[in-house]
N, C-alpha and C. Protein backbone atom coordinates (compact mmCIF):
# COMPACT_ATOMS: atom_id res chain seq x y z
N UNK A 1 79.71 131.25 109.21
CA UNK A 1 79.95 131.99 107.98
C UNK A 1 79.84 131.01 106.81
N UNK A 2 79.02 131.34 105.84
CA UNK A 2 78.80 130.47 104.69
C UNK A 2 79.90 130.62 103.65
N UNK A 3 80.14 129.53 102.94
CA UNK A 3 81.16 129.48 101.89
C UNK A 3 80.54 129.77 100.53
N UNK A 4 81.20 130.63 99.75
CA UNK A 4 80.81 130.89 98.37
C UNK A 4 82.01 130.55 97.49
N UNK A 5 81.74 129.83 96.41
CA UNK A 5 82.77 129.54 95.41
C UNK A 5 82.55 130.45 94.22
N UNK A 6 83.57 131.21 93.86
CA UNK A 6 83.52 132.08 92.69
C UNK A 6 84.43 131.47 91.63
N UNK A 7 83.85 131.15 90.48
CA UNK A 7 84.61 130.57 89.36
C UNK A 7 84.76 131.68 88.32
N UNK A 8 85.94 132.30 88.31
CA UNK A 8 86.18 133.51 87.52
C UNK A 8 87.66 133.60 87.18
N UNK A 9 87.99 133.79 85.92
CA UNK A 9 89.39 133.84 85.51
C UNK A 9 89.99 135.24 85.51
N UNK A 10 89.16 136.26 85.60
CA UNK A 10 89.65 137.64 85.59
C UNK A 10 89.79 138.12 87.03
N UNK A 11 91.02 138.41 87.45
CA UNK A 11 91.26 138.76 88.85
C UNK A 11 90.61 140.08 89.26
N UNK A 12 90.46 141.02 88.33
CA UNK A 12 89.76 142.26 88.66
C UNK A 12 88.29 141.99 88.98
N UNK A 13 87.65 141.18 88.14
CA UNK A 13 86.26 140.82 88.39
C UNK A 13 86.11 140.02 89.68
N UNK A 14 87.05 139.08 89.91
CA UNK A 14 87.02 138.32 91.15
C UNK A 14 87.17 139.26 92.35
N UNK A 15 88.07 140.22 92.24
CA UNK A 15 88.27 141.17 93.34
C UNK A 15 87.00 141.91 93.70
N UNK A 16 86.26 142.35 92.69
CA UNK A 16 85.01 143.08 92.95
C UNK A 16 83.98 142.20 93.64
N UNK A 17 83.71 141.04 93.08
CA UNK A 17 82.68 140.18 93.66
C UNK A 17 83.15 139.60 94.99
N UNK A 18 84.44 139.28 95.07
CA UNK A 18 84.99 138.74 96.32
C UNK A 18 84.86 139.72 97.47
N UNK A 19 85.20 140.97 97.23
CA UNK A 19 85.09 142.00 98.25
C UNK A 19 83.64 142.19 98.68
N UNK A 20 82.73 142.23 97.71
CA UNK A 20 81.30 142.39 98.03
C UNK A 20 80.81 141.23 98.89
N UNK A 21 81.22 140.01 98.56
CA UNK A 21 80.80 138.84 99.33
C UNK A 21 81.41 138.83 100.73
N UNK A 22 82.69 139.18 100.83
CA UNK A 22 83.34 139.22 102.15
C UNK A 22 82.69 140.28 103.04
N UNK A 23 82.32 141.41 102.47
CA UNK A 23 81.64 142.46 103.25
C UNK A 23 80.29 141.99 103.76
N UNK A 24 79.71 140.98 103.07
CA UNK A 24 78.42 140.42 103.50
C UNK A 24 78.63 139.17 104.36
N UNK A 25 79.85 139.01 104.87
CA UNK A 25 80.20 137.93 105.80
C UNK A 25 80.19 136.53 105.19
N UNK A 26 80.61 136.42 103.94
CA UNK A 26 80.81 135.12 103.32
C UNK A 26 82.30 134.81 103.30
N UNK A 27 82.65 133.53 103.39
CA UNK A 27 84.00 133.06 103.09
C UNK A 27 84.03 132.81 101.59
N UNK A 28 85.05 133.28 100.92
CA UNK A 28 85.10 133.21 99.46
C UNK A 28 86.28 132.36 99.01
N UNK A 29 85.97 131.40 98.13
CA UNK A 29 87.01 130.59 97.49
C UNK A 29 87.00 130.92 96.00
N UNK A 30 88.16 130.84 95.37
CA UNK A 30 88.30 131.16 93.96
C UNK A 30 88.76 129.95 93.17
N UNK A 31 88.16 129.77 92.01
CA UNK A 31 88.66 128.84 91.00
C UNK A 31 88.78 129.64 89.71
N UNK A 32 89.92 129.55 89.03
CA UNK A 32 90.16 130.35 87.83
C UNK A 32 89.88 129.60 86.54
N UNK A 33 89.54 128.31 86.63
CA UNK A 33 89.19 127.53 85.44
C UNK A 33 87.93 126.73 85.73
N UNK A 34 87.30 126.27 84.68
CA UNK A 34 86.11 125.45 84.85
C UNK A 34 86.40 124.15 85.57
N UNK A 35 87.50 123.49 85.20
CA UNK A 35 87.87 122.22 85.83
C UNK A 35 88.12 122.40 87.32
N UNK A 36 88.87 123.44 87.68
CA UNK A 36 89.12 123.71 89.09
C UNK A 36 87.81 124.06 89.81
N UNK A 37 86.92 124.76 89.14
CA UNK A 37 85.64 125.12 89.73
C UNK A 37 84.80 123.91 90.07
N UNK A 38 84.72 122.97 89.15
CA UNK A 38 83.95 121.74 89.41
C UNK A 38 84.59 120.98 90.57
N UNK A 39 85.90 120.83 90.54
CA UNK A 39 86.61 120.10 91.62
C UNK A 39 86.38 120.76 92.98
N UNK A 40 86.54 122.07 93.03
CA UNK A 40 86.34 122.78 94.31
C UNK A 40 84.89 122.72 94.77
N UNK A 41 83.96 122.79 93.85
CA UNK A 41 82.54 122.68 94.22
C UNK A 41 82.28 121.34 94.89
N UNK A 42 82.82 120.27 94.33
CA UNK A 42 82.62 118.94 94.89
C UNK A 42 83.30 118.80 96.25
N UNK A 43 84.46 119.43 96.39
CA UNK A 43 85.21 119.36 97.65
C UNK A 43 84.59 120.22 98.74
N UNK A 44 84.27 121.48 98.41
CA UNK A 44 83.82 122.44 99.43
C UNK A 44 82.32 122.37 99.73
N UNK A 45 81.53 121.93 98.77
CA UNK A 45 80.07 121.92 98.90
C UNK A 45 79.58 123.29 99.41
N UNK A 46 79.86 124.35 98.65
CA UNK A 46 79.53 125.70 99.11
C UNK A 46 78.02 125.95 99.17
N UNK A 47 77.65 126.99 99.89
CA UNK A 47 76.26 127.39 99.99
C UNK A 47 75.79 128.07 98.70
N UNK A 48 76.73 128.63 97.94
CA UNK A 48 76.44 129.39 96.74
C UNK A 48 77.63 129.28 95.80
N UNK A 49 77.34 129.19 94.49
CA UNK A 49 78.39 129.16 93.48
C UNK A 49 78.11 130.30 92.50
N UNK A 50 79.14 131.09 92.22
CA UNK A 50 79.05 132.14 91.22
C UNK A 50 80.00 131.75 90.10
N UNK A 51 79.49 131.75 88.87
CA UNK A 51 80.29 131.27 87.75
C UNK A 51 80.28 132.29 86.61
N UNK A 52 81.47 132.53 86.06
CA UNK A 52 81.59 133.30 84.82
C UNK A 52 81.31 132.32 83.68
N UNK A 53 80.83 132.80 82.57
CA UNK A 53 80.55 131.91 81.43
C UNK A 53 81.80 131.72 80.57
N UNK A 54 82.59 132.76 80.39
CA UNK A 54 83.78 132.68 79.54
C UNK A 54 85.01 132.32 80.38
N UNK A 55 85.32 131.03 80.41
CA UNK A 55 86.46 130.53 81.17
C UNK A 55 87.48 129.93 80.21
N UNK A 56 88.75 129.80 80.63
CA UNK A 56 89.80 129.38 79.71
C UNK A 56 89.74 127.92 79.25
N UNK A 57 89.16 127.02 80.00
CA UNK A 57 89.14 125.62 79.56
C UNK A 57 87.77 125.22 79.01
N UNK A 58 86.78 125.06 79.85
CA UNK A 58 85.43 124.87 79.34
C UNK A 58 84.54 125.93 79.97
N UNK A 59 83.46 126.25 79.28
CA UNK A 59 82.67 127.41 79.67
C UNK A 59 81.80 127.16 80.90
N UNK A 60 81.23 128.24 81.40
CA UNK A 60 80.39 128.19 82.58
C UNK A 60 79.14 127.35 82.41
N UNK A 61 78.65 127.22 81.17
CA UNK A 61 77.51 126.34 80.93
C UNK A 61 77.90 124.90 81.28
N UNK A 62 79.07 124.48 80.80
CA UNK A 62 79.54 123.12 81.06
C UNK A 62 79.86 122.93 82.54
N UNK A 63 80.45 123.94 83.17
CA UNK A 63 80.70 123.89 84.61
C UNK A 63 79.39 123.63 85.35
N UNK A 64 78.37 124.40 85.01
CA UNK A 64 77.08 124.27 85.66
C UNK A 64 76.48 122.89 85.43
N UNK A 65 76.51 122.42 84.19
CA UNK A 65 75.96 121.09 83.90
C UNK A 65 76.68 120.00 84.70
N UNK A 66 78.01 120.09 84.78
CA UNK A 66 78.78 119.07 85.52
C UNK A 66 78.46 119.10 87.01
N UNK A 67 78.33 120.28 87.56
CA UNK A 67 77.98 120.39 88.98
C UNK A 67 76.58 119.84 89.21
N UNK A 68 75.66 120.18 88.34
CA UNK A 68 74.27 119.71 88.50
C UNK A 68 74.17 118.19 88.36
N UNK A 69 75.04 117.56 87.57
CA UNK A 69 75.02 116.10 87.39
C UNK A 69 75.80 115.38 88.49
N UNK A 70 76.47 116.11 89.36
CA UNK A 70 77.31 115.51 90.40
C UNK A 70 76.45 115.05 91.58
N UNK A 71 77.14 114.57 92.60
CA UNK A 71 76.48 114.12 93.83
C UNK A 71 76.06 115.28 94.74
N UNK A 72 76.42 116.50 94.38
CA UNK A 72 76.06 117.65 95.22
C UNK A 72 74.55 117.83 95.27
N UNK A 73 74.11 118.44 96.31
CA UNK A 73 72.69 118.78 96.45
C UNK A 73 72.30 119.70 95.30
N UNK A 74 71.35 119.28 94.52
CA UNK A 74 70.92 120.05 93.34
C UNK A 74 70.29 121.39 93.66
N UNK A 75 70.11 121.69 94.93
CA UNK A 75 69.50 122.97 95.29
C UNK A 75 70.53 124.06 95.55
N UNK A 76 71.83 123.75 95.45
CA UNK A 76 72.84 124.80 95.64
C UNK A 76 72.65 125.83 94.53
N UNK A 77 72.42 127.09 94.88
CA UNK A 77 72.25 128.11 93.85
C UNK A 77 73.54 128.32 93.06
N UNK A 78 73.40 128.38 91.75
CA UNK A 78 74.52 128.70 90.86
C UNK A 78 74.11 129.96 90.10
N UNK A 79 74.89 131.01 90.28
CA UNK A 79 74.58 132.30 89.69
C UNK A 79 75.63 132.63 88.63
N UNK A 80 75.18 132.88 87.41
CA UNK A 80 76.07 133.31 86.33
C UNK A 80 76.23 134.82 86.40
N UNK A 81 77.47 135.27 86.40
CA UNK A 81 77.78 136.69 86.27
C UNK A 81 78.71 136.78 85.07
N UNK A 82 78.22 137.38 83.99
CA UNK A 82 78.92 137.27 82.72
C UNK A 82 78.80 138.53 81.87
N UNK A 83 79.73 138.67 80.97
CA UNK A 83 79.65 139.76 80.00
C UNK A 83 78.81 139.35 78.79
N UNK A 84 78.38 138.09 78.73
CA UNK A 84 77.48 137.64 77.66
C UNK A 84 76.11 138.29 77.88
N UNK A 85 75.78 139.25 77.03
CA UNK A 85 74.55 140.01 77.24
C UNK A 85 73.71 140.11 75.97
N UNK A 86 73.83 139.10 75.13
CA UNK A 86 73.03 139.08 73.90
C UNK A 86 71.67 138.44 74.20
N UNK A 87 70.72 138.68 73.29
CA UNK A 87 69.42 138.07 73.45
C UNK A 87 69.59 136.55 73.50
N UNK A 88 68.98 135.93 74.47
CA UNK A 88 69.04 134.48 74.63
C UNK A 88 70.10 134.00 75.60
N UNK A 89 71.04 134.86 76.00
CA UNK A 89 72.11 134.43 76.91
C UNK A 89 71.56 134.07 78.30
N UNK A 90 70.62 134.84 78.80
CA UNK A 90 70.02 134.54 80.10
C UNK A 90 69.35 133.17 80.04
N UNK A 91 68.58 132.93 78.99
CA UNK A 91 67.88 131.65 78.83
C UNK A 91 68.86 130.48 78.75
N UNK A 92 69.97 130.70 78.05
CA UNK A 92 70.99 129.65 77.91
C UNK A 92 71.59 129.31 79.27
N UNK A 93 71.81 130.31 80.11
CA UNK A 93 72.33 130.08 81.46
C UNK A 93 71.34 129.28 82.30
N UNK A 94 70.08 129.68 82.25
CA UNK A 94 69.05 128.99 83.03
C UNK A 94 68.89 127.55 82.54
N UNK A 95 68.91 127.38 81.23
CA UNK A 95 68.81 126.05 80.63
C UNK A 95 69.94 125.13 81.09
N UNK A 96 71.13 125.68 81.26
CA UNK A 96 72.28 124.88 81.70
C UNK A 96 72.18 124.49 83.17
N UNK A 97 71.30 125.18 83.92
CA UNK A 97 71.12 124.85 85.33
C UNK A 97 71.40 125.98 86.29
N UNK A 98 71.70 127.17 85.77
CA UNK A 98 71.92 128.31 86.66
C UNK A 98 70.61 128.74 87.30
N UNK A 99 70.72 129.22 88.52
CA UNK A 99 69.57 129.70 89.26
C UNK A 99 69.24 131.14 88.87
N UNK A 100 70.27 131.92 88.57
CA UNK A 100 70.10 133.33 88.23
C UNK A 100 71.24 133.78 87.32
N UNK A 101 71.06 134.95 86.72
CA UNK A 101 71.99 135.49 85.72
C UNK A 101 72.12 136.99 85.93
N UNK A 102 73.35 137.49 85.94
CA UNK A 102 73.61 138.92 86.01
C UNK A 102 74.65 139.28 84.96
N UNK A 103 74.47 140.44 84.37
CA UNK A 103 75.42 140.94 83.37
C UNK A 103 76.50 141.76 84.05
N UNK A 104 77.72 141.67 83.51
CA UNK A 104 78.82 142.54 83.92
C UNK A 104 78.69 143.84 83.15
N UNK A 105 79.16 144.92 83.68
CA UNK A 105 79.81 145.05 84.97
C UNK A 105 78.79 145.01 86.11
N UNK A 106 79.24 144.55 87.26
CA UNK A 106 78.36 144.49 88.42
C UNK A 106 78.57 145.72 89.28
N UNK A 107 77.60 146.01 90.11
CA UNK A 107 77.72 147.07 91.11
C UNK A 107 78.09 146.38 92.42
N UNK A 108 79.32 146.52 92.90
CA UNK A 108 79.73 145.81 94.11
C UNK A 108 78.96 146.23 95.36
N UNK A 109 78.31 147.37 95.30
CA UNK A 109 77.52 147.84 96.45
C UNK A 109 76.21 147.06 96.57
N UNK A 110 75.60 146.71 95.44
CA UNK A 110 74.28 146.09 95.48
C UNK A 110 74.24 144.63 95.02
N UNK A 111 75.33 144.08 94.52
CA UNK A 111 75.28 142.76 93.90
C UNK A 111 74.86 141.66 94.86
N UNK A 112 75.33 141.68 96.09
CA UNK A 112 74.97 140.60 97.02
C UNK A 112 73.48 140.63 97.31
N UNK A 113 72.95 141.79 97.55
CA UNK A 113 71.51 141.92 97.79
C UNK A 113 70.72 141.45 96.56
N UNK A 114 71.17 141.81 95.38
CA UNK A 114 70.50 141.39 94.15
C UNK A 114 70.56 139.87 93.97
N UNK A 115 71.70 139.28 94.30
CA UNK A 115 71.83 137.82 94.23
C UNK A 115 70.87 137.17 95.22
N UNK A 116 70.85 137.67 96.47
CA UNK A 116 69.94 137.12 97.47
C UNK A 116 68.49 137.16 96.97
N UNK A 117 68.09 138.27 96.40
CA UNK A 117 66.73 138.39 95.87
C UNK A 117 66.48 137.39 94.75
N UNK A 118 67.44 137.26 93.84
CA UNK A 118 67.26 136.39 92.67
C UNK A 118 67.17 134.91 93.05
N UNK A 119 67.86 134.51 94.13
CA UNK A 119 67.84 133.10 94.52
C UNK A 119 66.90 132.81 95.68
N UNK A 120 66.16 133.84 96.10
CA UNK A 120 65.18 133.63 97.16
C UNK A 120 65.72 133.69 98.57
N UNK A 121 66.87 134.33 98.75
CA UNK A 121 67.43 134.47 100.08
C UNK A 121 67.17 135.87 100.63
N UNK A 122 66.08 136.50 100.25
CA UNK A 122 65.76 137.85 100.69
C UNK A 122 65.68 137.92 102.20
N UNK A 123 66.37 138.86 102.76
CA UNK A 123 66.37 139.06 104.21
C UNK A 123 67.25 138.09 104.96
N UNK A 124 67.91 137.22 104.25
CA UNK A 124 68.75 136.19 104.88
C UNK A 124 70.16 136.74 105.13
N UNK A 125 70.68 136.44 106.27
CA UNK A 125 72.06 136.83 106.59
C UNK A 125 73.00 135.73 106.14
N UNK A 126 74.22 136.12 105.80
CA UNK A 126 75.23 135.14 105.40
C UNK A 126 75.49 134.24 106.57
């Protein structure tokens, strides 16, 4: 079973994505701040990282940049799931090092499949 790290400060949003990931046979870890997210990413070395952009300490862009500059394998997919939906937000996420970007609210029924498609894991089992 693969590990996914979800960096999200809103417990309702975490509940939705966490449940969807668990139903797809992933082990899910939570970090509620950017600092905790970076620390857990370095410790757990997850197969996938999902990051919110609006976090209480530093934003998801900075989280992504710090993870990308770390000793972790630079190929770990980092997916932004955010309420930032203005023109240019997707590009800003990709520029920071995210592999893919999804706007909230998410559909918990289809989000895992959509993430797999966006990161090139189509047809792949957890």
